[in-house]
């Protein structure tokens, strides 16, 4: 079985509903995964927009997701979360911030990337930022699953 990531909020390659954007309720969509390697001890997740005007823009970073989990519920960044750690995103917030591309900038792609890690936890401050967390996660990555959503502000 391959390692997969999906959401009940949107299908891979399709539009992210406004509810999950900064123009709507700005809440994290539910995410589910399956097929993680047996050696998985924890997970790390990032959400990035490579279509941002100034290069890759990081919207969400979560780490120390227990290896026995297979989902993050909707609003998992604000609900009781079982010890999850959240990195500061490029908006400067330690939580999920959904799509908000510049008006008229065209279609943006939001890449949700989930890494299965061979360590139970990453030891780093959340203030280090999403890119630093992801670089550390990649040192321990044994598998990666991804999901892409799109959004355009007209």
C-alpha atoms as a PDB file:
ATOM      1  CA  UNK A   1       0.000   0.000   0.000  1.00  0.00           C
ATOM      2  CA  UNK A   2       1.340   3.444  -0.879  1.00  0.00           C
ATOM      3  CA  UNK A   3       1.462   6.333   1.573  1.00  0.00           C
ATOM      4  CA  UNK A   4      -1.450   8.671   0.743  1.00  0.00           C
ATOM      5  CA  UNK A   5      -2.885  11.939   2.049  1.00  0.00           C
ATOM      6  CA  UNK A   6      -6.448  13.121   1.431  1.00  0.00           C
ATOM      7  CA  UNK A   7      -9.063  15.551   2.718  1.00  0.00           C
ATOM      8  CA  UNK A   8     -12.827  15.288   2.951  1.00  0.00           C
ATOM      9  CA  UNK A   9     -12.896  19.056   2.243  1.00  0.00           C
ATOM     10  CA  UNK A  10     -11.482  18.877  -1.308  1.00  0.00           C
ATOM     11  CA  UNK A  11     -10.104  16.355  -3.794  1.00  0.00           C
ATOM     12  CA  UNK A  12      -6.487  16.325  -4.936  1.00  0.00           C
ATOM     13  CA  UNK A  13      -6.035  18.994  -7.601  1.00  0.00           C
ATOM     14  CA  UNK A  14      -9.377  20.683  -6.958  1.00  0.00           C
ATOM     15  CA  UNK A  15     -10.419  23.988  -5.392  1.00  0.00           C
ATOM     16  CA  UNK A  16     -10.132  24.536  -1.652  1.00  0.00           C
ATOM     17  CA  UNK A  17     -13.522  25.730  -0.360  1.00  0.00           C
ATOM     18  CA  UNK A  18     -13.608  29.336   0.853  1.00  0.00           C
ATOM     19  CA  UNK A  19     -14.339  28.113   4.400  1.00  0.00           C
ATOM     20  CA  UNK A  20     -10.687  26.984   4.649  1.00  0.00           C
ATOM     21  CA  UNK A  21      -9.216  30.283   3.390  1.00  0.00           C
ATOM     22  CA  UNK A  22      -8.414  33.588   5.085  1.00  0.00           C
ATOM     23  CA  UNK A  23     -11.390  34.986   3.160  1.00  0.00           C
ATOM     24  CA  UNK A  24     -13.709  32.503   4.911  1.00  0.00           C
ATOM     25  CA  UNK A  25     -13.517  30.885   8.350  1.00  0.00           C
ATOM     26  CA  UNK A  26      -9.742  30.306   8.028  1.00  0.00           C
ATOM     27  CA  UNK A  27      -9.880  26.885   9.657  1.00  0.00           C
ATOM     28  CA  UNK A  28      -7.674  23.909   8.867  1.00  0.00           C
ATOM     29  CA  UNK A  29      -9.361  21.250   6.721  1.00  0.00           C
ATOM     30  CA  UNK A  30      -9.619  17.678   7.939  1.00  0.00           C
ATOM     31  CA  UNK A  31      -6.705  15.577   6.686  1.00  0.00           C
ATOM     32  CA  UNK A  32      -6.456  11.780   6.649  1.00  0.00           C
ATOM     33  CA  UNK A  33      -3.627   9.466   5.649  1.00  0.00           C
ATOM     34  CA  UNK A  34      -3.031   5.777   5.105  1.00  0.00           C
ATOM     35  CA  UNK A  35      -0.182   3.450   4.228  1.00  0.00           C
ATOM     36  CA  UNK A  36       2.535   4.947   6.434  1.00  0.00           C
ATOM     37  CA  UNK A  37       5.597   2.702   6.756  1.00  0.00           C
ATOM     38  CA  UNK A  38       5.690   0.397   9.787  1.00  0.00           C
ATOM     39  CA  UNK A  39       8.798   2.207  11.066  1.00  0.00           C
ATOM     40  CA  UNK A  40       6.938   5.532  11.384  1.00  0.00           C
ATOM     41  CA  UNK A  41       7.382   7.087  14.833  1.00  0.00           C
ATOM     42  CA  UNK A  42       5.909  10.544  14.114  1.00  0.00           C
ATOM     43  CA  UNK A  43       4.711  12.822  11.312  1.00  0.00           C
ATOM     44  CA  UNK A  44       5.371  16.388  10.198  1.00  0.00           C
ATOM     45  CA  UNK A  45       3.149  18.442   7.889  1.00  0.00           C
ATOM     46  CA  UNK A  46       3.610  21.614   5.875  1.00  0.00           C
ATOM     47  CA  UNK A  47       1.342  23.614   3.570  1.00  0.00           C
ATOM     48  CA  UNK A  48       3.040  25.802   0.968  1.00  0.00           C
ATOM     49  CA  UNK A  49       2.050  28.052  -1.929  1.00  0.00           C
ATOM     50  CA  UNK A  50       4.779  28.025  -4.608  1.00  0.00           C
ATOM     51  CA  UNK A  51       2.799  30.512  -6.738  1.00  0.00           C
ATOM     52  CA  UNK A  52       3.144  33.412  -4.275  1.00  0.00           C
ATOM     53  CA  UNK A  53       4.525  36.619  -5.826  1.00  0.00           C
ATOM     54  CA  UNK A  54       7.761  36.507  -3.797  1.00  0.00           C
ATOM     55  CA  UNK A  55       8.382  32.756  -3.965  1.00  0.00           C
ATOM     56  CA  UNK A  56       7.233  29.908  -1.726  1.00  0.00           C
ATOM     57  CA  UNK A  57       4.879  31.067   1.026  1.00  0.00           C
ATOM     58  CA  UNK A  58       4.408  28.768   4.044  1.00  0.00           C
ATOM     59  CA  UNK A  59       0.870  28.602   5.469  1.00  0.00           C
ATOM     60  CA  UNK A  60       1.081  25.848   8.085  1.00  0.00           C
ATOM     61  CA  UNK A  61       3.652  23.698   9.819  1.00  0.00           C
ATOM     62  CA  UNK A  62       2.804  20.932  12.278  1.00  0.00           C
ATOM     63  CA  UNK A  63       5.268  18.547  13.864  1.00  0.00           C
ATOM     64  CA  UNK A  64       5.421  15.858  16.547  1.00  0.00           C
ATOM     65  CA  UNK A  65       2.209  14.300  15.275  1.00  0.00           C
ATOM     66  CA  UNK A  66       2.211  10.871  16.989  1.00  0.00           C
ATOM     67  CA  UNK A  67       3.068   7.962  14.720  1.00  0.00           C
ATOM     68  CA  UNK A  68      -0.129   6.107  15.603  1.00  0.00           C
ATOM     69  CA  UNK A  69      -2.350   8.928  14.269  1.00  0.00           C
ATOM     70  CA  UNK A  70      -3.950   8.746  10.828  1.00  0.00           C
ATOM     71  CA  UNK A  71      -5.818  12.061  10.730  1.00  0.00           C
ATOM     72  CA  UNK A  72      -5.933  15.678  11.810  1.00  0.00           C
ATOM     73  CA  UNK A  73      -9.479  16.872  12.469  1.00  0.00           C
ATOM     74  CA  UNK A  74     -10.912  20.072  11.070  1.00  0.00           C
ATOM     75  CA  UNK A  75      -9.646  23.048  13.106  1.00  0.00           C
ATOM     76  CA  UNK A  76      -6.876  20.861  14.555  1.00  0.00           C
ATOM     77  CA  UNK A  77      -4.770  23.963  15.137  1.00  0.00           C
ATOM     78  CA  UNK A  78      -7.290  25.376  17.627  1.00  0.00           C
ATOM     79  CA  UNK A  79      -8.908  22.239  19.112  1.00  0.00           C
ATOM     80  CA  UNK A  80      -7.273  20.120  21.852  1.00  0.00           C
ATOM     81  CA  UNK A  81      -4.474  18.552  19.856  1.00  0.00           C
ATOM     82  CA  UNK A  82      -2.669  15.899  21.870  1.00  0.00           C
ATOM     83  CA  UNK A  83       0.718  17.609  21.996  1.00  0.00           C
ATOM     84  CA  UNK A  84       1.052  18.704  18.392  1.00  0.00           C
ATOM     85  CA  UNK A  85       3.532  21.517  17.826  1.00  0.00           C
ATOM     86  CA  UNK A  86       2.867  24.332  15.350  1.00  0.00           C
ATOM     87  CA  UNK A  87       5.522  26.424  13.624  1.00  0.00           C
ATOM     88  CA  UNK A  88       5.251  30.115  12.950  1.00  0.00           C
ATOM     89  CA  UNK A  89       4.000  30.551   9.391  1.00  0.00           C
ATOM     90  CA  UNK A  90       4.888  33.305   6.927  1.00  0.00           C
ATOM     91  CA  UNK A  91       1.986  35.400   8.241  1.00  0.00           C
ATOM     92  CA  UNK A  92       3.779  35.277  11.618  1.00  0.00           C
ATOM     93  CA  UNK A  93       1.191  33.026  13.280  1.00  0.00           C
ATOM     94  CA  UNK A  94       1.744  29.701  15.053  1.00  0.00           C
ATOM     95  CA  UNK A  95      -1.345  28.106  13.500  1.00  0.00           C
ATOM     96  CA  UNK A  96      -3.013  27.383  10.171  1.00  0.00           C
ATOM     97  CA  UNK A  97      -3.607  30.325   7.866  1.00  0.00           C
ATOM     98  CA  UNK A  98      -5.380  29.376   4.681  1.00  0.00           C
ATOM     99  CA  UNK A  99      -5.100  30.684   1.143  1.00  0.00           C
ATOM    100  CA  UNK A 100      -5.270  34.415   0.490  1.00  0.00           C
ATOM    101  CA  UNK A 101      -3.499  35.055  -2.812  1.00  0.00           C
ATOM    102  CA  UNK A 102      -3.420  38.591  -4.157  1.00  0.00           C
ATOM    103  CA  UNK A 103      -6.611  39.531  -5.970  1.00  0.00           C
ATOM    104  CA  UNK A 104      -6.292  38.939  -9.708  1.00  0.00           C
ATOM    105  CA  UNK A 105      -2.991  37.025  -9.319  1.00  0.00           C
ATOM    106  CA  UNK A 106      -4.401  33.877 -10.914  1.00  0.00           C
ATOM    107  CA  UNK A 107      -4.737  30.336  -9.684  1.00  0.00           C
ATOM    108  CA  UNK A 108      -2.503  29.317  -6.772  1.00  0.00           C
ATOM    109  CA  UNK A 109      -1.600  25.745  -5.797  1.00  0.00           C
ATOM    110  CA  UNK A 110      -1.401  24.769  -2.131  1.00  0.00           C
ATOM    111  CA  UNK A 111       0.780  21.752  -1.445  1.00  0.00           C
ATOM    112  CA  UNK A 112      -0.008  19.790   1.709  1.00  0.00           C
ATOM    113  CA  UNK A 113       3.031  17.571   2.397  1.00  0.00           C
ATOM    114  CA  UNK A 114       3.071  14.928   5.116  1.00  0.00           C
ATOM    115  CA  UNK A 115       6.342  13.289   6.140  1.00  0.00           C
ATOM    116  CA  UNK A 116       6.543   9.968   7.974  1.00  0.00           C
ATOM    117  CA  UNK A 117       9.531  10.190  10.319  1.00  0.00           C
ATOM    118  CA  UNK A 118      11.730   7.585  12.000  1.00  0.00           C
ATOM    119  CA  UNK A 119      11.962   9.600  15.257  1.00  0.00           C
ATOM    120  CA  UNK A 120       9.247  10.132  17.891  1.00  0.00           C
ATOM    121  CA  UNK A 121       9.727  13.910  17.963  1.00  0.00           C
ATOM    122  CA  UNK A 122      11.666  16.796  16.500  1.00  0.00           C
ATOM    123  CA  UNK A 123      13.399  18.921  19.094  1.00  0.00           C
ATOM    124  CA  UNK A 124      13.188  22.521  17.975  1.00  0.00           C
ATOM    125  CA  UNK A 125      11.378  25.727  18.863  1.00  0.00           C
ATOM    126  CA  UNK A 126       8.214  26.516  16.904  1.00  0.00           C
ATOM    127  CA  UNK A 127       9.617  29.994  16.347  1.00  0.00           C
ATOM    128  CA  UNK A 128      12.295  28.465  14.084  1.00  0.00           C
ATOM    129  CA  UNK A 129       9.701  28.561  11.319  1.00  0.00           C
ATOM    130  CA  UNK A 130       8.224  26.116   8.879  1.00  0.00           C
ATOM    131  CA  UNK A 131      11.178  25.844   6.502  1.00  0.00           C
ATOM    132  CA  UNK A 132      13.611  25.081   9.344  1.00  0.00           C
ATOM    133  CA  UNK A 133      11.245  22.464  10.745  1.00  0.00           C
ATOM    134  CA  UNK A 134      10.857  20.842   7.310  1.00  0.00           C
ATOM    135  CA  UNK A 135      14.631  20.731   6.762  1.00  0.00           C
ATOM    136  CA  UNK A 136      14.971  18.920  10.107  1.00  0.00           C
ATOM    137  CA  UNK A 137      12.084  16.582   9.255  1.00  0.00           C
ATOM    138  CA  UNK A 138      13.703  15.659   5.935  1.00  0.00           C
ATOM    139  CA  UNK A 139      16.711  14.263   7.821  1.00  0.00           C
ATOM    140  CA  UNK A 140      14.363  11.667   9.361  1.00  0.00           C
ATOM    141  CA  UNK A 141      11.856  11.199   6.520  1.00  0.00           C
ATOM    142  CA  UNK A 142      11.092   7.621   5.486  1.00  0.00           C
ATOM    143  CA  UNK A 143       8.086   8.447   3.284  1.00  0.00           C
ATOM    144  CA  UNK A 144       6.165  11.456   1.997  1.00  0.00           C
ATOM    145  CA  UNK A 145       2.544  11.858   0.928  1.00  0.00           C
ATOM    146  CA  UNK A 146       1.045  14.943  -0.674  1.00  0.00           C
ATOM    147  CA  UNK A 147      -2.236  16.594  -1.558  1.00  0.00           C
ATOM    148  CA  UNK A 148      -2.700  19.714  -3.681  1.00  0.00           C
ATOM    149  CA  UNK A 149      -5.571  22.161  -3.530  1.00  0.00           C
ATOM    150  CA  UNK A 150      -6.103  25.302  -5.567  1.00  0.00           C
ATOM    151  CA  UNK A 151      -7.563  28.725  -4.856  1.00  0.00           C
ATOM    152  CA  UNK A 152      -7.944  31.968  -6.775  1.00  0.00           C
ATOM    153  CA  UNK A 153      -9.108  35.336  -5.503  1.00  0.00           C
ATOM    154  CA  UNK A 154     -10.928  37.076  -8.339  1.00  0.00           C
END
